[in-house]
Protein backbone atom coordinates (compact mmCIF):
# COMPACT_ATOMS: atom_id res chain seq x y z
CA MET A 1 -5.28 -5.80 20.42
CA ALA A 2 -4.44 -8.20 17.60
CA THR A 3 -3.39 -6.80 14.25
CA PRO A 4 -3.85 -8.46 10.85
CA SER A 5 -0.15 -9.37 10.84
CA ASP A 6 -0.68 -11.33 14.08
CA GLU A 7 -3.45 -13.46 12.54
CA ARG A 8 -2.90 -17.16 11.97
CA THR A 9 -5.14 -19.11 9.57
CA PHE A 10 -5.99 -22.77 10.07
CA GLN A 11 -7.69 -25.12 7.62
CA VAL A 12 -10.73 -26.88 9.09
CA VAL A 13 -12.53 -29.83 7.46
CA ALA A 14 -16.19 -30.31 8.38
CA TRP A 15 -18.47 -33.30 7.83
CA LEU A 16 -21.74 -34.63 9.20
CA ALA A 17 -21.70 -37.55 11.63
CA ASP A 18 -24.44 -38.71 13.97
CA ARG A 19 -26.52 -35.54 13.50
CA ARG A 20 -23.58 -33.29 14.37
CA LEU A 21 -21.04 -31.36 12.37
CA VAL A 22 -17.52 -32.60 13.09
CA LEU A 23 -14.76 -30.01 12.76
CA TYR A 24 -11.25 -31.38 12.24
CA VAL A 25 -8.11 -29.23 12.25
CA PRO A 26 -5.41 -31.26 10.45
CA GLU A 27 -2.53 -29.00 11.50
CA ILE A 28 -3.05 -29.81 15.18
CA GLU A 29 -4.76 -33.18 14.67
CA ALA A 30 -7.74 -32.22 16.81
CA ALA A 31 -11.49 -32.27 16.39
CA THR A 32 -14.66 -31.03 18.01
CA SER A 33 -18.31 -31.10 17.01
CA VAL A 34 -21.23 -28.69 16.94
CA THR A 35 -24.91 -28.93 16.11
CA GLY A 36 -24.64 -26.75 13.02
CA MET A 37 -22.61 -24.41 10.85
CA PRO A 38 -23.57 -21.19 12.71
CA GLU A 39 -21.40 -22.15 15.68
CA ALA A 40 -18.62 -23.83 13.67
CA ASP A 41 -16.22 -20.89 13.41
CA ALA A 42 -16.36 -20.02 17.11
CA ALA A 43 -15.97 -23.66 18.17
CA ALA A 44 -13.00 -24.22 15.86
CA ARG A 45 -11.28 -21.01 17.03
CA THR A 46 -11.81 -21.97 20.68
CA LEU A 47 -10.40 -25.47 20.11
CA ILE A 48 -7.34 -24.12 18.33
CA ALA A 49 -6.71 -21.44 20.95
CA GLU A 50 -6.99 -23.91 23.83
CA LEU A 51 -4.62 -26.43 22.26
CA THR A 52 -2.02 -24.04 20.82
CA GLY A 53 -1.99 -21.30 23.44
CA LEU A 54 -2.74 -18.69 20.77
CA ASP A 55 -5.08 -15.83 21.59
CA GLU A 56 -8.50 -16.55 20.06
CA ALA A 57 -8.47 -13.06 18.54
CA VAL A 58 -5.61 -13.98 16.18
CA VAL A 59 -7.02 -17.34 15.07
CA ARG A 60 -8.77 -17.45 11.71
CA CYS A 61 -10.44 -20.54 10.24
CA GLU A 62 -11.07 -21.57 6.67
CA ILE A 63 -13.82 -24.15 6.98
CA ARG A 64 -14.57 -26.46 4.07
CA VAL A 65 -17.00 -29.32 3.87
CA GLY A 66 -15.23 -32.57 3.07
CA ARG A 67 -14.91 -36.22 3.96
CA ALA A 68 -13.76 -37.65 7.23
CA PRO A 69 -10.04 -38.50 7.22
CA GLY A 70 -9.62 -42.20 6.52
CA SER A 71 -13.23 -42.62 5.45
CA ILE A 72 -14.10 -45.64 3.34
CA ASP A 73 -14.69 -43.39 0.32
CA ARG A 74 -10.96 -42.62 0.26
CA LEU A 75 -9.83 -46.23 -0.05
CA PRO A 76 -8.57 -47.35 -3.45
CA ARG A 77 -11.16 -49.13 -5.53
CA THR A 78 -10.39 -52.66 -6.64
């Protein structure tokens, strides 16, 4: 059983695209998508566990709504 000291927290950025919620984990440069926020935490934890080999029970996610990396809104204005 995982203990709080075993937990690992990942930052997750979420944004809407094509009627889906994209979840991007910058630390592992990976993304997935879901239909809505209720399934976001579970989907992000599963993605992280599959790609890092960590047990899903020790993965924690801090999900924030933001802009897509490299989106046009982030370009310098001229």
